[in-house]
């Protein structure tokens, strides 16, 4: 039976990859596929206006909803 492992890691040097978790392999010959992971931006301190370009509110957001019209009369 052939098993495949999916894990993440870091490239330390041109030919050295450090995995984030140990693997239980029975073979020393493996196939490696490298797929870059987009790093998530984190903020250490809250900054006013930090996410201003991430969110947009469309003008129709403020219009009343048809489902609640009977409650608004």
N, C-alpha and C. Protein backbone atom coordinates (compact mmCIF):
# COMPACT_ATOMS: atom_id res chain seq x y z
N UNK A 1 0.83 -1.17 0.00
CA UNK A 1 0.00 0.00 0.00
C UNK A 1 0.88 1.24 0.00
N UNK A 2 0.55 2.21 -0.86
CA UNK A 2 1.32 3.44 -0.95
C UNK A 2 0.63 4.51 -0.11
N UNK A 3 1.41 5.18 0.73
CA UNK A 3 0.88 6.25 1.56
C UNK A 3 1.46 7.57 1.11
N UNK A 4 0.68 8.61 1.25
CA UNK A 4 1.16 9.96 0.96
C UNK A 4 0.99 10.80 2.21
N UNK A 5 1.95 11.63 2.49
CA UNK A 5 1.91 12.51 3.65
C UNK A 5 1.86 13.95 3.16
N UNK A 6 1.02 14.74 3.77
CA UNK A 6 0.97 16.17 3.48
C UNK A 6 1.33 16.89 4.76
N UNK A 7 2.37 17.69 4.69
CA UNK A 7 2.82 18.45 5.85
C UNK A 7 3.39 19.77 5.37
N UNK A 8 3.72 20.63 6.27
CA UNK A 8 4.33 21.91 5.92
C UNK A 8 5.74 21.95 6.49
N UNK A 9 6.50 22.93 6.07
CA UNK A 9 7.86 23.07 6.55
C UNK A 9 8.48 24.36 6.05
N UNK A 10 9.78 24.46 6.24
CA UNK A 10 10.52 25.64 5.83
C UNK A 10 11.76 25.22 5.05
N UNK A 11 12.14 26.02 4.09
CA UNK A 11 13.39 25.79 3.37
C UNK A 11 14.47 26.55 4.13
N UNK A 12 15.43 25.81 4.70
CA UNK A 12 16.50 26.44 5.47
C UNK A 12 17.64 26.88 4.57
N UNK A 13 18.02 26.04 3.64
CA UNK A 13 19.07 26.35 2.67
C UNK A 13 18.57 25.81 1.34
N UNK A 14 19.36 25.90 0.31
CA UNK A 14 18.92 25.46 -1.01
C UNK A 14 18.49 23.99 -1.05
N UNK A 15 19.10 23.13 -0.26
CA UNK A 15 18.80 21.71 -0.32
C UNK A 15 18.32 21.13 1.01
N UNK A 16 18.00 21.97 1.98
CA UNK A 16 17.56 21.48 3.29
C UNK A 16 16.14 21.97 3.56
N UNK A 17 15.24 21.05 3.83
CA UNK A 17 13.85 21.36 4.17
C UNK A 17 13.59 20.84 5.57
N UNK A 18 13.10 21.71 6.45
CA UNK A 18 12.76 21.30 7.81
C UNK A 18 11.24 21.17 7.89
N UNK A 19 10.76 19.96 8.18
CA UNK A 19 9.33 19.72 8.27
C UNK A 19 8.80 20.14 9.63
N UNK A 20 7.53 20.53 9.68
CA UNK A 20 6.92 20.97 10.93
C UNK A 20 6.53 19.81 11.83
N UNK A 21 6.49 18.60 11.29
CA UNK A 21 6.14 17.42 12.09
C UNK A 21 6.92 16.22 11.59
N UNK A 22 7.23 15.27 12.46
CA UNK A 22 7.98 14.08 12.03
C UNK A 22 7.09 13.15 11.20
N UNK A 23 7.71 12.43 10.28
CA UNK A 23 6.99 11.47 9.44
C UNK A 23 7.49 10.06 9.75
N UNK A 24 6.60 9.10 9.71
CA UNK A 24 6.95 7.71 9.95
C UNK A 24 7.11 7.01 8.59
N UNK A 25 8.29 7.14 8.00
CA UNK A 25 8.54 6.60 6.66
C UNK A 25 9.29 5.28 6.75
N UNK A 26 8.96 4.38 5.83
CA UNK A 26 9.68 3.11 5.77
C UNK A 26 10.73 3.12 4.68
N UNK A 27 10.66 4.08 3.77
CA UNK A 27 11.61 4.16 2.67
C UNK A 27 12.45 5.43 2.82
N UNK A 28 13.66 5.38 2.28
CA UNK A 28 14.51 6.57 2.32
C UNK A 28 14.41 7.36 1.02
N UNK A 29 13.82 6.79 -0.02
CA UNK A 29 13.67 7.49 -1.29
C UNK A 29 12.24 8.03 -1.35
N UNK A 30 12.10 9.35 -1.59
CA UNK A 30 10.78 9.98 -1.58
C UNK A 30 10.63 10.91 -2.78
N UNK A 31 9.41 11.32 -3.05
CA UNK A 31 9.12 12.33 -4.06
C UNK A 31 8.65 13.58 -3.32
N UNK A 32 9.21 14.73 -3.67
CA UNK A 32 8.88 15.98 -2.98
C UNK A 32 8.24 16.93 -3.98
N UNK A 33 7.09 17.47 -3.62
CA UNK A 33 6.44 18.52 -4.39
C UNK A 33 6.41 19.75 -3.52
N UNK A 34 6.94 20.85 -4.01
CA UNK A 34 7.01 22.07 -3.22
C UNK A 34 5.96 23.05 -3.73
N UNK A 35 5.10 23.48 -2.83
CA UNK A 35 4.04 24.44 -3.13
C UNK A 35 4.16 25.58 -2.13
N UNK A 36 4.49 26.78 -2.58
CA UNK A 36 4.62 27.90 -1.66
C UNK A 36 3.29 28.19 -0.97
N UNK A 37 3.35 28.53 0.32
CA UNK A 37 2.17 28.88 1.10
C UNK A 37 2.20 30.38 1.33
N UNK A 38 1.09 31.04 1.01
CA UNK A 38 1.01 32.48 1.25
C UNK A 38 0.90 32.72 2.74
N UNK A 39 1.81 33.49 3.27
CA UNK A 39 1.82 33.74 4.71
C UNK A 39 0.71 34.71 5.06
N UNK A 40 0.05 34.45 6.17
CA UNK A 40 -1.03 35.29 6.65
C UNK A 40 -0.45 36.45 7.44
N UNK A 41 -0.92 37.63 7.13
CA UNK A 41 -0.47 38.82 7.84
C UNK A 41 -1.07 38.83 9.24
N UNK A 42 -0.24 39.03 10.22
CA UNK A 42 -0.74 39.15 11.59
C UNK A 42 -0.32 40.52 12.12
N UNK A 43 -1.11 41.03 13.01
CA UNK A 43 -0.73 42.31 13.60
C UNK A 43 -0.48 42.13 15.08
N UNK A 44 0.58 42.73 15.54
CA UNK A 44 0.95 42.63 16.94
C UNK A 44 0.14 43.59 17.80
N UNK A 45 -0.07 44.79 17.28
CA UNK A 45 -0.86 45.79 18.00
C UNK A 45 -2.03 46.20 17.12
N UNK A 46 -3.12 46.59 17.73
CA UNK A 46 -4.26 47.09 16.97
C UNK A 46 -3.94 48.48 16.47
N UNK A 47 -4.18 48.67 15.18
CA UNK A 47 -3.91 49.96 14.56
C UNK A 47 -5.19 50.43 13.90
N UNK A 48 -5.63 51.65 14.22
CA UNK A 48 -6.84 52.19 13.64
C UNK A 48 -6.69 52.29 12.12
N UNK A 49 -7.68 51.76 11.39
CA UNK A 49 -7.67 51.83 9.94
C UNK A 49 -6.84 50.74 9.27
N UNK A 50 -6.39 49.75 10.01
CA UNK A 50 -5.51 48.70 9.49
C UNK A 50 -6.18 47.91 8.35
N UNK A 51 -7.49 47.64 8.46
CA UNK A 51 -8.18 46.81 7.47
C UNK A 51 -9.03 47.63 6.51
N UNK A 52 -8.76 48.92 6.37
CA UNK A 52 -9.63 49.76 5.56
C UNK A 52 -9.68 49.34 4.09
N UNK A 53 -8.64 48.78 3.56
CA UNK A 53 -8.65 48.34 2.16
C UNK A 53 -9.16 46.92 2.00
N UNK A 54 -9.39 46.20 3.07
CA UNK A 54 -9.86 44.83 3.00
C UNK A 54 -11.38 44.76 2.85
N UNK A 55 -12.08 45.73 3.43
CA UNK A 55 -13.53 45.68 3.47
C UNK A 55 -14.13 46.86 2.73
N UNK A 56 -15.21 46.59 2.01
CA UNK A 56 -15.98 47.66 1.39
C UNK A 56 -17.44 47.42 1.69
N UNK A 57 -18.16 48.48 1.98
CA UNK A 57 -19.59 48.39 2.25
C UNK A 57 -20.31 49.02 1.07
N UNK A 58 -21.13 48.22 0.40
CA UNK A 58 -21.87 48.73 -0.75
C UNK A 58 -23.03 49.60 -0.26
N UNK A 59 -23.45 50.58 -1.07
CA UNK A 59 -24.52 51.48 -0.65
C UNK A 59 -25.83 50.76 -0.32
N UNK A 60 -26.15 49.67 -1.01
CA UNK A 60 -27.40 48.95 -0.75
C UNK A 60 -27.39 48.22 0.60
N UNK A 61 -26.27 48.17 1.28
CA UNK A 61 -26.19 47.54 2.59
C UNK A 61 -27.13 48.23 3.59
N UNK A 62 -27.28 49.53 3.46
CA UNK A 62 -28.08 50.31 4.41
C UNK A 62 -29.57 50.34 4.06
N UNK A 63 -29.95 49.79 2.91
CA UNK A 63 -31.36 49.78 2.53
C UNK A 63 -32.11 48.73 3.34
N UNK A 64 -33.40 48.98 3.64
CA UNK A 64 -34.17 48.00 4.42
C UNK A 64 -34.35 46.69 3.67
N UNK A 65 -34.39 45.60 4.40
CA UNK A 65 -34.59 44.29 3.81
C UNK A 65 -36.07 44.03 3.60
N UNK A 66 -36.42 43.40 2.49
CA UNK A 66 -37.81 43.08 2.18
C UNK A 66 -38.42 42.17 3.25
N UNK A 67 -37.64 41.25 3.78
CA UNK A 67 -38.16 40.29 4.76
C UNK A 67 -38.64 40.96 6.05
N UNK A 68 -38.09 42.12 6.40
CA UNK A 68 -38.43 42.79 7.65
C UNK A 68 -39.32 44.02 7.45
N UNK A 69 -39.84 44.17 6.25
CA UNK A 69 -40.64 45.35 5.96
C UNK A 69 -41.88 45.45 6.85
N UNK A 70 -42.54 44.29 7.13
CA UNK A 70 -43.75 44.31 7.94
C UNK A 70 -43.47 44.75 9.38
N UNK A 71 -42.27 44.53 9.90
CA UNK A 71 -41.93 44.94 11.25
C UNK A 71 -41.59 46.42 11.35
N UNK A 72 -41.25 47.04 10.23
CA UNK A 72 -40.81 48.42 10.22
C UNK A 72 -41.97 49.40 10.05
N UNK A 73 -43.15 48.92 9.74
CA UNK A 73 -44.30 49.81 9.50
C UNK A 73 -44.99 50.20 10.76
